[in-house]
Each structure stands twice: as structure tokens, then as C-alpha cells.
Amino acid sequence: MKKFIAFATILTLLVSCGKSSDKGELVGINGGKWHPEKPYGMALIPGGAFIMGKSDADLANVEDAPTKTVTVRAFYMDETEITNSEYRQFVEWVKDSTVRVRLAIFADLNGQTPGTGKGKNATSIGDFAFNDSDPAKMSPYDKYMYDNYYSVGTSDDQYAGRKLNRKVKLIKDTKLYPDEYYTEVMDSMYIPIAESYNGLRTMDVNKLKFRYSWMDIQAAAKAKVGNRKDFIKTEEVKVYPDTTVWIKDFAYSYNEPMHNDYFWHKAYGDYPVVGVKWTQAKAFCAWRTLNKNTYVKAKKKGHDLVNSFRLPTEAEWEYAARGGLESATYPWGGPYTKSDRGCFLANFKPNRGDYAADEALYTVEAKSYDPNGYNLYNMAGNVSEWTDSSYDSNAYEYVSSMNPNVQDGSNKRKVLRGGSWKDVAYFLQVSTRDYEYADSARSYIGFRTVQDYMGTKATGNGKKK
């Protein structure tokens, strides 16, 4: 094999000495022109410099945000907080994939092979078998990958890399289940009958897990020795939000209706998702990237893959929240939380015990109130938002002035920004810092995502020519 590769290398060198359209000149590789595509539901935040931190007196005397001039690069940001409907798309994808994996494995263990089922008319569990269950129908590449990788799996997942058959639709009506194998798999996805009541048997949400890998580039760049595989991390995250936060967050308070209905009911589809841990928000970002790139590879052949969706850094969040206003107190300027007509400009707790003074008891729809200068909604109030930054009260003293961020894997305190429906006005200020632990979920914490802008032209405060 090594001799063959060496021979191929020599042959390539000889061939490259032949005819060429570049006439021997250094013209670069014609890779085509890059056309940036604005992601759906996002706004372009032009890069630029701003004064980060408290420009007014720190009423709470926390003193963790002294003013500091910093510069951030351009990026896209969700116009609204991630909604229940959007997060349910993630949960449904995980549920669909989990069921299909279980069906494919069970078909494999029981020697079931693909049948003739199409659409909703699956004839047996064999119709859900792995696409590579019949090596005779594989392309040379797929067969090579199957023989050398997928058929042996990995140390922690023997089915890693196997391809699911997504063309056959899952059957939800129990009367149409094709065989007992399918029935057994579907039964395993629900809570035991002994734990159900009132004739309702619901999905066991603890089985809905999303597994993804990422590379710790920070650690890899700083390490003097080590293999690439040493810095690749694999995460497995339960994706269903913790709906019990509506009860646990407030003692001696009747919030059972929110626990029962808020996440899944259509009435709250456009409201921000809550009960999501920092780790779940990170998993959502990984899934959103995977979901988009799967579409690009399948439907837009030849197009470049999109770069990763992620949580914003603390500096990016504050820069975006200011909406182009310099040293403002709130996203709309300030210093007041009411308009000139006496209407509240955000969803928060304006008076002691009076949560509804702003016409909202809990959260409001994600696209509520007027957007800021960058067309971003609810950058103050509604729900506090996770950022990618670790919280350190002294961070502003040592972070870089270019794209500042503190990423400390050992620090479980993650920065929250924006304040929420249950907070007083102080937490709505664009410069106020707060934090929560990464493994905690709350009824007042949500998130929105960002994506890096590819290029350097989009700047917000450069000199105009």
C-alpha cells in the first residue's frame, strides 16, 4: 500500500508538469466567489468597538463590570429568544432518531431485512433496518467504510456510523403497527403502564438523548504535546426541558398550569423556551448546525457547509443588546423603563408583587415589544439568556480588548444576561452581569444563538469613505 501511494505521488508530480491554464503564473485556486447567506430568523450584527460595562452608578454595588473599550467581530444573532416551537423541533428530531435507531438495532438483532414498505405502509420492522444492512447494494465507498469502520463501531457504540433509513415514515397509530417487533420497540419508548394514570401513557423523556462531538480548540492550541483525539470531546445530553422548574422555583405558589402546558401546548409555541440547562443550549447549537449541514449536503451539492451555530459570548451579547447606542442603560436607551406614553418597554417585575403591571404575568411571545437598533427583540426582560462565557467577577480586568471571552471548563458558573419576567429593572440593564450554574434549569432562563459572519466587511463604526 505504501509503495502504491509513493508511486501515485510521483505520478502526480509528473502530471502536474504538463499543460495548465494558469500559464505557469501564481493565480491562486479558483474556488468561486463566496456569497454569505443570512440564516433564517437572524439579524446581522456589524462588528465594531463599544464601551462595555457600567456607564452609570452600579446601584447594587456589585462592581463586576467596570467600563472597558472592546471590539467584537461581525456575527449573526437570532432576532428572538429560541421559542418552544423551535426547541420542540429539536426534541422531535431526537425522538425520531432515537426510535429509528432502536428499530434498526432490533431489526439487525432479529435478522430482519428491508421489505417493500414505502411511506406509511411499512410491512415489517425490516423496513427500518440500517441502510447498509445489504452490502451488495452499497457504493464502493460505502462498502469500504462499512467494512473498515461502521461494522465494528467504536468502543462505546458498536453501531456508530450506521446509516438510518429515514425514507419510511414512523407509524404512530397502534392499530397500524406492522409486527410484534415494531410494537416492542415502541413500547420501550413509553413510561411503564404502572406509572401512567387516567389512561394517559406518555413518552419517557429520559430516553431522548442527543450525542455529539466537539473539539476543544483552546486546550489543543495551548497544549505542547498530545494527539488530536485527546482534545475531541463527546457529549450525551438529555434534551427535554425540565418542566418542573415552574413549581421548584417558587415555593408556596400555584404554577401547575405552566408546568403542565407551557412547553408542549400550541398556545405557547411562540413563547421562549425555559427549563433548559446551559448544556442543553449547547447541544441545541450542535444540532442546529448538524441539521442545516445535512440539508446542504443533500440538497445543495457543491455549496459550502455553514459554520457552527453557538451561544454568544458575554461581550457579543452586550454589544448586540445596545443596538448601536453608546453608553445606553437599556436596549432602547433609557434611563426609563416606560415610553413617553407611559407604556412599559419590556416584560419584567416593575412593582413589588405586581408582576402584571407590564401586562404580562409570566413570559410573553418572543417577538414582543419594539426591537432595538439591530432588530433584536426582548434583549431586556422576558427571559434571561445563557451566554458561552464563564462568570468571573474580575474578568473585565484581564480579558482581551478584542473579542473578549472567558472560557473556563472548570468554572460551572455561566454568565446570564438581559434579566427576566420575574426580575426588577436593574437586571434589565445591558451592562448588568448575572450567572447561574451550567447544570441548572430555571423557569426564567432561555437562550438565543449566534453564528460567525464569514468576512470582515461588516463593521459598524468604521470611517465612511
Protein backbone atom coordinates (compact mmCIF):
# COMPACT_ATOMS: atom_id res chain seq x y z
CA MET A 1 0.00 0.00 0.00
CA LYS A 2 2.82 2.41 0.88
CA LYS A 3 4.55 1.63 -2.47
CA PHE A 4 1.32 2.38 -4.29
CA ILE A 5 0.92 5.74 -2.52
CA ALA A 6 4.55 6.67 -3.24
CA PHE A 7 4.09 5.73 -6.92
CA ALA A 8 0.89 7.79 -7.08
CA THR A 9 2.69 10.79 -5.58
CA ILE A 10 5.48 10.64 -8.18
CA LEU A 11 2.90 10.26 -10.96
CA THR A 12 1.02 13.31 -9.68
CA LEU A 13 4.21 15.38 -9.76
CA LEU A 14 4.92 14.30 -13.32
CA VAL A 15 1.38 15.05 -14.48
CA SER A 16 1.44 18.48 -12.84
CA CYS A 17 4.33 19.43 -15.10
CA GLY A 18 2.05 19.17 -18.12
CA LYS A 19 -0.40 21.64 -19.63
CA SER A 20 -2.13 24.11 -17.35
CA SER A 21 -4.46 27.09 -17.89
CA ASP A 22 -2.53 29.27 -15.44
CA LYS A 23 0.41 29.62 -17.89
CA GLY A 24 2.80 28.93 -15.05
CA GLU A 25 1.74 32.06 -13.15
CA LEU A 26 0.72 32.28 -9.50
CA VAL A 27 -3.01 32.85 -9.91
CA GLY A 28 -4.36 31.02 -6.89
CA ILE A 29 -7.07 28.41 -6.79
CA ASN A 30 -10.36 29.37 -8.40
CA GLY A 31 -12.67 28.37 -5.60
CA GLY A 32 -15.54 30.56 -6.71
CA LYS A 33 -16.92 33.65 -5.05
CA TRP A 34 -18.30 33.47 -1.52
CA HIS A 35 -21.87 34.68 -1.13
CA PRO A 36 -22.85 34.96 2.54
CA GLU A 37 -26.34 33.70 3.30
CA LYS A 38 -28.17 35.24 6.25
CA PRO A 39 -29.58 32.41 8.37
CA TYR A 40 -33.34 32.32 8.72
CA GLY A 41 -34.64 34.37 11.67
CA MET A 42 -31.28 36.03 12.34
CA ALA A 43 -30.02 39.60 12.11
CA LEU A 44 -26.54 40.65 11.03
CA ILE A 45 -24.74 42.43 13.86
CA PRO A 46 -21.95 44.53 12.29
CA GLY A 47 -18.67 44.27 14.11
CA GLY A 48 -17.21 47.24 15.88
CA ALA A 49 -15.97 48.78 19.12
CA PHE A 50 -18.04 49.81 22.12
CA ILE A 51 -17.69 50.71 25.78
CA MET A 52 -18.53 47.56 27.70
CA GLY A 53 -19.60 47.79 31.34
CA LYS A 54 -21.46 50.11 33.71
CA SER A 55 -21.50 53.66 32.45
CA ASP A 56 -23.84 54.69 35.30
CA ALA A 57 -23.57 54.15 39.03
CA ASP A 58 -23.77 50.48 40.00
CA LEU A 59 -26.80 50.62 42.28
CA ALA A 60 -26.32 47.07 43.52
CA ASN A 61 -22.66 47.84 44.27
CA VAL A 62 -21.53 44.57 42.65
CA GLU A 63 -18.69 46.32 40.84
CA ASP A 64 -18.05 43.43 38.47
CA ALA A 65 -18.46 45.46 35.25
CA PRO A 66 -16.06 48.42 35.06
CA THR A 67 -16.06 50.23 31.72
CA LYS A 68 -13.72 48.85 29.09
CA THR A 69 -13.47 49.62 25.37
CA VAL A 70 -13.54 46.40 23.38
CA THR A 71 -14.04 45.34 19.77
CA VAL A 72 -16.06 42.37 18.50
CA ARG A 73 -16.23 40.84 15.05
CA ALA A 74 -19.43 40.70 12.99
CA PHE A 75 -21.90 37.90 13.62
CA TYR A 76 -25.48 36.84 13.08
CA MET A 77 -27.85 36.64 16.05
CA ASP A 78 -31.35 35.27 16.49
CA GLU A 79 -33.86 38.10 16.37
CA THR A 80 -35.78 36.43 19.19
CA GLU A 81 -35.14 34.03 22.00
CA ILE A 82 -35.42 30.38 20.94
CA THR A 83 -39.10 29.54 21.20
CA ASN A 84 -40.90 26.46 22.46
CA SER A 85 -41.83 25.62 18.88
CA GLU A 86 -38.22 25.85 17.69
CA TYR A 87 -36.91 23.80 20.60
CA ARG A 88 -39.65 21.21 20.02
CA GLN A 89 -38.25 20.75 16.51
CA PHE A 90 -35.00 19.69 18.19
CA VAL A 91 -36.80 17.36 20.61
CA GLU A 92 -38.87 15.80 17.80
CA TRP A 93 -35.74 15.21 15.71
CA VAL A 94 -34.07 13.47 18.65
CA LYS A 95 -37.20 11.42 19.31
CA ASP A 96 -37.47 10.38 15.67
CA SER A 97 -33.79 9.44 15.54
CA THR A 98 -33.94 7.54 18.84
CA VAL A 99 -36.91 5.47 17.67
CA ARG A 100 -35.29 4.76 14.31
CA VAL A 101 -32.03 3.67 15.92
CA ARG A 102 -33.90 1.29 18.23
CA LEU A 103 -35.92 -0.12 15.33
CA ALA A 104 -32.79 -0.59 13.20
CA ILE A 105 -30.88 -2.31 16.00
CA PHE A 106 -33.82 -4.59 16.83
CA ALA A 107 -34.20 -5.45 13.13
CA ASP A 108 -30.48 -6.25 12.98
CA LEU A 109 -30.59 -8.45 16.08
CA ASN A 110 -33.58 -10.39 14.76
CA GLY A 111 -32.23 -10.85 11.25
CA GLN A 112 -34.89 -8.64 9.66
CA THR A 113 -34.04 -7.21 6.23
CA PRO A 114 -35.63 -4.35 4.27
CA GLY A 115 -39.02 -5.18 2.81
CA THR A 116 -41.15 -3.32 0.32
CA GLY A 117 -42.70 -0.76 2.65
CA LYS A 118 -42.98 2.82 1.45
CA GLY A 119 -44.31 5.94 3.16
CA LYS A 120 -46.72 4.92 5.90
CA ASN A 121 -47.11 1.40 4.58
CA ALA A 122 -44.24 -0.34 6.37
CA THR A 123 -44.76 -4.10 6.16
CA SER A 124 -42.34 -5.09 8.93
CA ILE A 125 -39.64 -3.78 11.22
CA GLY A 126 -37.23 -4.76 8.43
CA ASP A 127 -38.28 -1.62 6.55
CA PHE A 128 -36.50 0.37 9.28
CA ALA A 129 -33.25 -1.65 9.09
CA PHE A 130 -29.95 0.17 8.60
CA ASN A 131 -29.42 1.31 5.01
CA ASP A 132 -26.15 -0.60 4.95
CA SER A 133 -27.72 -3.90 6.03
CA ASP A 134 -27.33 -5.19 2.47
CA PRO A 135 -23.64 -4.79 1.41
CA ALA A 136 -24.49 -5.85 -2.15
CA LYS A 137 -26.39 -2.58 -2.68
CA MET A 138 -23.63 -0.28 -1.41
CA SER A 139 -21.39 2.01 -3.42
CA PRO A 140 -17.65 1.14 -3.30
CA TYR A 141 -17.06 3.98 -0.82
CA ASP A 142 -19.92 2.99 1.48
CA LYS A 143 -18.82 -0.65 1.40
CA TYR A 144 -15.24 0.31 2.29
CA MET A 145 -16.42 2.48 5.19
CA TYR A 146 -18.77 -0.25 6.37
CA ASP A 147 -16.09 -2.97 6.26
CA ASN A 148 -13.41 -0.88 7.98
CA TYR A 149 -15.36 1.33 10.37
CA TYR A 150 -19.13 1.07 10.69
CA SER A 151 -19.38 -2.72 11.00
CA VAL A 152 -17.04 -2.70 14.01
CA GLY A 153 -18.32 0.51 15.62
CA THR A 154 -16.44 2.22 18.41
CA SER A 155 -15.51 1.23 21.96
CA ASP A 156 -18.63 2.89 23.38
CA ASP A 157 -21.06 2.46 20.48
CA GLN A 158 -20.98 -0.64 18.30
CA TYR A 159 -23.45 0.93 15.86
CA ALA A 160 -21.56 4.19 15.38
CA GLY A 161 -21.69 5.38 11.77
CA ARG A 162 -24.51 3.10 10.66
CA LYS A 163 -26.97 4.86 8.35
CA LEU A 164 -30.63 5.11 9.28
CA ASN A 165 -33.44 4.66 6.80
CA ARG A 166 -35.43 7.89 7.07
CA LYS A 167 -37.49 7.37 3.91
CA VAL A 168 -40.05 5.14 5.62
CA LYS A 169 -42.28 7.11 7.96
CA LEU A 170 -42.75 6.08 11.56
CA ILE A 171 -46.14 4.64 12.43
CA LYS A 172 -47.86 6.34 15.36
CA ASP A 173 -51.26 4.64 15.24
CA THR A 174 -51.04 1.50 17.37
CA LYS A 175 -53.64 -0.18 15.16
CA LEU A 176 -51.25 0.05 12.20
CA TYR A 177 -48.12 -1.36 13.85
CA PRO A 178 -46.72 -3.87 11.29
CA ASP A 179 -45.46 -6.61 13.63
CA GLU A 180 -44.65 -7.51 17.23
CA TYR A 181 -41.02 -6.37 16.85
CA TYR A 182 -42.15 -2.84 15.99
CA THR A 183 -44.64 -2.96 18.86
CA GLU A 184 -41.96 -3.99 21.34
CA VAL A 185 -39.64 -1.16 20.34
CA MET A 186 -42.38 1.45 20.55
CA ASP A 187 -43.49 0.09 23.92
CA SER A 188 -39.95 0.56 25.24
CA MET A 189 -40.13 4.30 24.47
CA TYR A 190 -43.03 4.98 26.84
CA ILE A 191 -43.23 5.05 30.62
CA PRO A 192 -44.40 1.76 32.16
CA ILE A 193 -48.15 1.23 32.37
CA ALA A 194 -47.84 1.04 36.17
CA GLU A 195 -46.62 4.67 36.17
CA SER A 196 -49.37 6.05 33.94
CA TYR A 197 -52.75 7.37 35.09
CA ASN A 198 -56.09 8.47 33.67
CA GLY A 199 -55.44 6.32 30.62
CA LEU A 200 -52.55 8.54 29.50
CA ARG A 201 -49.25 6.90 28.68
CA THR A 202 -46.57 9.39 27.77
CA MET A 203 -43.15 9.18 26.19
CA ASP A 204 -40.28 8.53 28.59
CA VAL A 205 -38.38 11.77 28.01
CA ASN A 206 -35.30 10.45 29.83
CA LYS A 207 -34.62 8.32 26.75
CA LEU A 208 -34.40 11.34 24.47
CA LYS A 209 -30.66 11.98 24.37
CA PHE A 210 -28.56 13.85 21.81
CA ARG A 211 -24.98 12.71 21.31
CA TYR A 212 -22.43 14.92 19.61
CA SER A 213 -18.69 15.56 19.50
CA TRP A 214 -16.66 18.73 19.52
CA MET A 215 -13.00 19.69 19.63
CA ASP A 216 -11.55 21.72 22.49
CA ILE A 217 -9.50 24.05 20.30
CA GLN A 218 -8.47 26.22 23.25
CA ALA A 219 -6.85 23.25 25.01
CA ALA A 220 -5.34 21.92 21.78
CA ALA A 221 -3.74 25.27 20.95
CA LYS A 222 -2.17 25.62 24.39
CA ALA A 223 -1.00 22.01 24.72
CA LYS A 224 2.64 21.31 23.98
CA VAL A 225 2.07 17.61 23.37
CA GLY A 226 -0.90 15.40 22.65
CA ASN A 227 -2.76 13.74 19.83
CA ARG A 228 -5.72 15.32 18.11
CA LYS A 229 -8.03 12.67 19.51
CA ASP A 230 -7.10 13.76 23.05
CA PHE A 231 -8.98 17.02 22.52
CA ILE A 232 -12.14 15.62 20.94
CA LYS A 233 -14.94 15.55 23.48
CA THR A 234 -18.16 13.56 23.21
CA GLU A 235 -21.29 14.75 24.98
CA GLU A 236 -24.58 12.95 25.56
CA VAL A 237 -27.32 15.27 26.75
CA LYS A 238 -30.94 14.70 27.75
CA VAL A 239 -32.74 17.23 25.60
CA TYR A 240 -36.21 17.54 27.12
CA PRO A 241 -36.56 20.73 29.19
CA ASP A 242 -37.25 20.47 32.91
CA THR A 243 -40.91 21.49 33.14
CA THR A 244 -40.90 21.10 36.93
CA VAL A 245 -38.96 24.39 37.25
CA TRP A 246 -42.28 26.22 37.31
CA ILE A 247 -43.00 24.55 40.64
CA LYS A 248 -39.49 24.23 42.11
CA ASP A 249 -38.54 27.88 41.51
CA PHE A 250 -41.45 29.25 43.54
CA ALA A 251 -42.39 27.81 46.92
CA TYR A 252 -45.98 28.23 48.14
CA SER A 253 -47.09 29.31 44.68
CA TYR A 254 -49.64 27.79 42.29
CA ASN A 255 -47.91 27.39 38.92
CA GLU A 256 -49.08 23.90 37.96
CA PRO A 257 -50.77 25.09 34.72
CA MET A 258 -47.39 26.32 33.42
CA HIS A 259 -45.79 23.01 34.40
CA ASN A 260 -48.48 21.06 32.58
CA ASP A 261 -48.84 23.06 29.38
CA TYR A 262 -46.10 25.63 28.77
CA PHE A 263 -43.64 23.59 26.71
CA TRP A 264 -45.80 21.31 24.60
CA HIS A 265 -49.10 23.17 24.06
CA LYS A 266 -49.60 25.09 20.81
CA ALA A 267 -50.81 28.11 22.77
CA TYR A 268 -47.25 28.71 23.94
CA GLY A 269 -45.46 27.80 20.70
CA ASP A 270 -44.13 31.33 20.11
CA TYR A 271 -43.08 31.88 23.72
CA PRO A 272 -39.42 31.46 24.77
CA VAL A 273 -38.38 28.00 25.89
CA VAL A 274 -37.33 27.77 29.55
CA GLY A 275 -36.18 24.98 31.84
CA VAL A 276 -33.16 24.47 29.58
CA LYS A 277 -29.72 23.98 31.10
CA TRP A 278 -26.59 25.56 29.64
CA THR A 279 -25.50 22.11 28.50
CA GLN A 280 -28.81 21.64 26.68
CA ALA A 281 -28.48 25.02 24.98
CA LYS A 282 -25.03 23.98 23.76
CA ALA A 283 -26.47 20.69 22.45
CA PHE A 284 -29.18 22.64 20.61
CA CYS A 285 -26.49 24.67 18.86
CA ALA A 286 -24.68 21.50 17.77
CA TRP A 287 -27.94 20.02 16.47
CA ARG A 288 -28.87 23.19 14.57
CA THR A 289 -25.51 23.08 12.81
CA LEU A 290 -25.89 19.38 12.02
CA ASN A 291 -29.46 19.83 10.79
CA LYS A 292 -28.55 22.65 8.40
CA ASN A 293 -25.44 20.97 7.03
CA THR A 294 -27.33 17.71 6.47
CA TYR A 295 -29.71 19.67 4.25
CA VAL A 296 -26.85 21.44 2.43
CA LYS A 297 -25.09 18.14 1.67
CA ALA A 298 -28.29 16.52 0.42
CA LYS A 299 -29.95 19.37 -1.46
CA LYS A 300 -27.23 21.90 -2.30
CA LYS A 301 -24.38 19.81 -3.64
CA GLY A 302 -21.25 21.87 -4.23
CA HIS A 303 -22.24 24.53 -1.69
CA ASP A 304 -20.01 25.21 1.29
CA LEU A 305 -21.22 23.93 4.64
CA VAL A 306 -22.37 26.55 7.12
CA ASN A 307 -20.17 27.32 10.09
CA SER A 308 -21.32 26.42 13.57
CA PHE A 309 -24.19 27.94 15.47
CA ARG A 310 -23.21 28.67 19.07
CA LEU A 311 -24.09 30.65 22.18
CA PRO A 312 -22.95 34.30 22.15
CA THR A 313 -20.03 35.44 24.24
CA GLU A 314 -20.81 37.91 27.00
CA ALA A 315 -19.27 40.76 25.01
CA GLU A 316 -21.19 39.86 21.85
CA TRP A 317 -24.44 39.77 23.80
CA GLU A 318 -23.92 43.20 25.35
CA TYR A 319 -22.78 44.72 22.05
CA ALA A 320 -25.88 43.35 20.28
CA ALA A 321 -28.20 44.41 23.13
CA ARG A 322 -27.01 48.01 22.88
CA GLY A 323 -28.21 48.09 19.27
CA GLY A 324 -25.65 50.69 18.22
CA LEU A 325 -26.35 53.08 21.13
CA GLU A 326 -23.28 54.25 23.03
CA SER A 327 -23.33 54.04 26.85
CA ALA A 328 -27.08 53.43 26.99
CA THR A 329 -28.73 51.96 30.08
CA TYR A 330 -31.26 49.77 28.23
CA PRO A 331 -31.58 48.44 24.65
CA TRP A 332 -33.91 51.38 23.89
CA GLY A 333 -31.63 53.94 25.53
CA GLY A 334 -33.13 54.97 28.82
CA PRO A 335 -32.85 55.84 31.59
CA TYR A 336 -36.55 54.97 32.00
CA THR A 337 -38.43 51.70 31.52
CA LYS A 338 -41.57 53.44 30.22
CA SER A 339 -42.25 55.16 26.91
CA ASP A 340 -43.40 58.77 26.65
CA ARG A 341 -46.94 57.38 26.63
CA GLY A 342 -46.49 55.61 29.93
CA CYS A 343 -46.20 52.09 28.45
CA PHE A 344 -43.62 49.64 29.76
CA LEU A 345 -40.90 48.81 27.23
CA ALA A 346 -40.11 45.29 28.45
CA ASN A 347 -41.51 42.34 30.39
CA PHE A 348 -40.18 42.42 33.95
CA LYS A 349 -41.31 42.97 37.57
CA PRO A 350 -41.93 46.72 37.73
CA ASN A 351 -43.57 46.89 41.14
CA ARG A 352 -43.26 44.90 44.34
CA GLY A 353 -45.53 41.86 44.00
CA ASP A 354 -47.18 43.25 40.84
CA TYR A 355 -45.85 41.05 38.05
CA ALA A 356 -48.69 42.01 35.70
CA ALA A 357 -48.21 45.80 35.73
CA ASP A 358 -46.49 45.46 32.34
CA GLU A 359 -49.49 43.43 31.07
CA ALA A 360 -47.67 40.08 31.42
CA LEU A 361 -47.73 37.72 34.39
CA TYR A 362 -45.13 35.23 33.12
CA THR A 363 -43.33 35.30 29.76
CA VAL A 364 -44.66 36.93 26.60
CA GLU A 365 -44.28 35.91 22.96
CA ALA A 366 -40.67 36.09 21.81
CA LYS A 367 -41.45 38.79 19.25
CA SER A 368 -43.00 41.29 21.66
CA TYR A 369 -42.33 44.97 22.35
CA ASP A 370 -40.26 47.05 19.93
CA PRO A 371 -36.92 45.67 18.70
CA ASN A 372 -33.66 47.52 19.31
CA GLY A 373 -31.44 49.13 16.70
CA TYR A 374 -30.26 45.75 15.39
CA ASN A 375 -33.83 44.41 15.12
CA LEU A 376 -33.45 42.17 18.17
CA TYR A 377 -36.48 41.56 20.38
CA ASN A 378 -36.57 41.25 24.17
CA MET A 379 -32.89 41.86 24.80
CA ALA A 380 -34.19 43.16 28.13
CA GLY A 381 -36.68 41.17 30.14
CA ASN A 382 -38.89 38.20 29.25
CA VAL A 383 -36.23 35.55 29.95
CA SER A 384 -32.60 35.82 31.00
CA GLU A 385 -30.27 34.34 28.38
CA TRP A 386 -27.37 31.93 28.60
CA THR A 387 -24.06 33.06 27.13
CA ASP A 388 -20.99 30.98 26.33
CA SER A 389 -18.85 32.85 28.88
CA SER A 390 -17.81 31.65 32.32
CA TYR A 391 -18.50 34.13 35.11
CA ASP A 392 -15.60 35.75 36.92
CA SER A 393 -16.25 38.97 38.84
CA ASN A 394 -12.78 40.20 37.84
CA ALA A 395 -12.98 39.18 34.18
CA TYR A 396 -13.06 42.73 32.79
CA GLU A 397 -9.67 43.38 34.38
CA TYR A 398 -7.81 40.77 32.35
CA VAL A 399 -9.80 39.79 29.24
CA SER A 400 -8.57 40.85 25.81
CA SER A 401 -9.95 44.02 24.26
CA MET A 402 -10.53 42.08 21.01
CA ASN A 403 -13.43 39.60 21.12
CA PRO A 404 -13.14 39.25 24.92
CA ASN A 405 -14.34 35.99 26.45
CA VAL A 406 -13.67 33.77 29.45
CA GLN A 407 -13.95 30.09 28.59
CA ASP A 408 -13.11 28.01 31.62
CA GLY A 409 -14.28 24.41 31.56
CA SER A 410 -13.70 24.05 35.30
CA ASN A 411 -15.89 27.07 36.10
CA LYS A 412 -19.52 25.92 36.13
CA ARG A 413 -20.87 29.44 36.65
CA LYS A 414 -22.06 30.74 33.26
CA VAL A 415 -22.96 34.34 32.54
CA LEU A 416 -26.63 35.29 32.20
CA ARG A 417 -27.72 38.50 30.51
CA GLY A 418 -30.87 40.53 29.97
CA GLY A 419 -32.99 39.92 33.06
CA SER A 420 -36.36 38.17 33.02
CA TRP A 421 -40.08 38.45 33.68
CA LYS A 422 -39.51 37.97 37.42
CA ASP A 423 -36.60 40.46 37.77
CA VAL A 424 -36.51 44.12 38.74
CA ALA A 425 -35.29 46.77 36.29
CA TYR A 426 -31.65 46.63 37.45
CA PHE A 427 -31.20 43.22 35.79
CA LEU A 428 -32.62 44.54 32.51
CA GLN A 429 -29.73 46.96 32.06
CA VAL A 430 -27.49 45.96 29.15
CA SER A 431 -24.38 46.10 31.36
CA THR A 432 -25.69 44.06 34.33
CA ARG A 433 -24.00 40.70 34.78
CA ASP A 434 -25.59 37.67 36.42
CA TYR A 435 -24.82 33.97 36.46
CA GLU A 436 -26.24 30.50 37.00
CA TYR A 437 -24.66 27.08 37.18
CA ALA A 438 -24.41 25.21 33.89
CA ASP A 439 -26.32 22.18 35.17
CA SER A 440 -29.24 24.27 36.47
CA ALA A 441 -32.54 24.94 34.73
CA ARG A 442 -34.91 27.76 35.63
CA SER A 443 -38.37 28.99 34.65
CA TYR A 444 -36.87 32.35 33.75
CA ILE A 445 -33.79 31.35 31.72
CA GLY A 446 -33.74 30.78 27.96
CA PHE A 447 -31.23 31.48 25.20
CA ARG A 448 -30.62 32.61 21.64
CA THR A 449 -27.88 31.54 19.23
CA VAL A 450 -25.32 33.28 17.03
CA GLN A 451 -23.25 32.38 14.00
CA ASP A 452 -19.95 33.96 12.93
CA TYR A 453 -20.08 36.20 9.87
CA MET A 454 -17.62 34.97 7.25
CA GLY A 455 -15.65 38.01 6.18
CA THR A 456 -14.52 41.35 7.57
CA LYS A 457 -16.50 43.93 5.61
CA ALA A 458 -19.41 44.16 8.05
CA THR A 459 -18.25 46.73 10.59
CA GLY A 460 -20.47 49.11 12.47
CA ASN A 461 -18.33 52.10 13.40
CA GLY A 462 -15.60 52.35 10.80
CA LYS A 463 -14.99 55.63 8.95
CA LYS A 464 -17.22 56.07 5.93
CA LYS A 465 -15.48 56.78 2.64
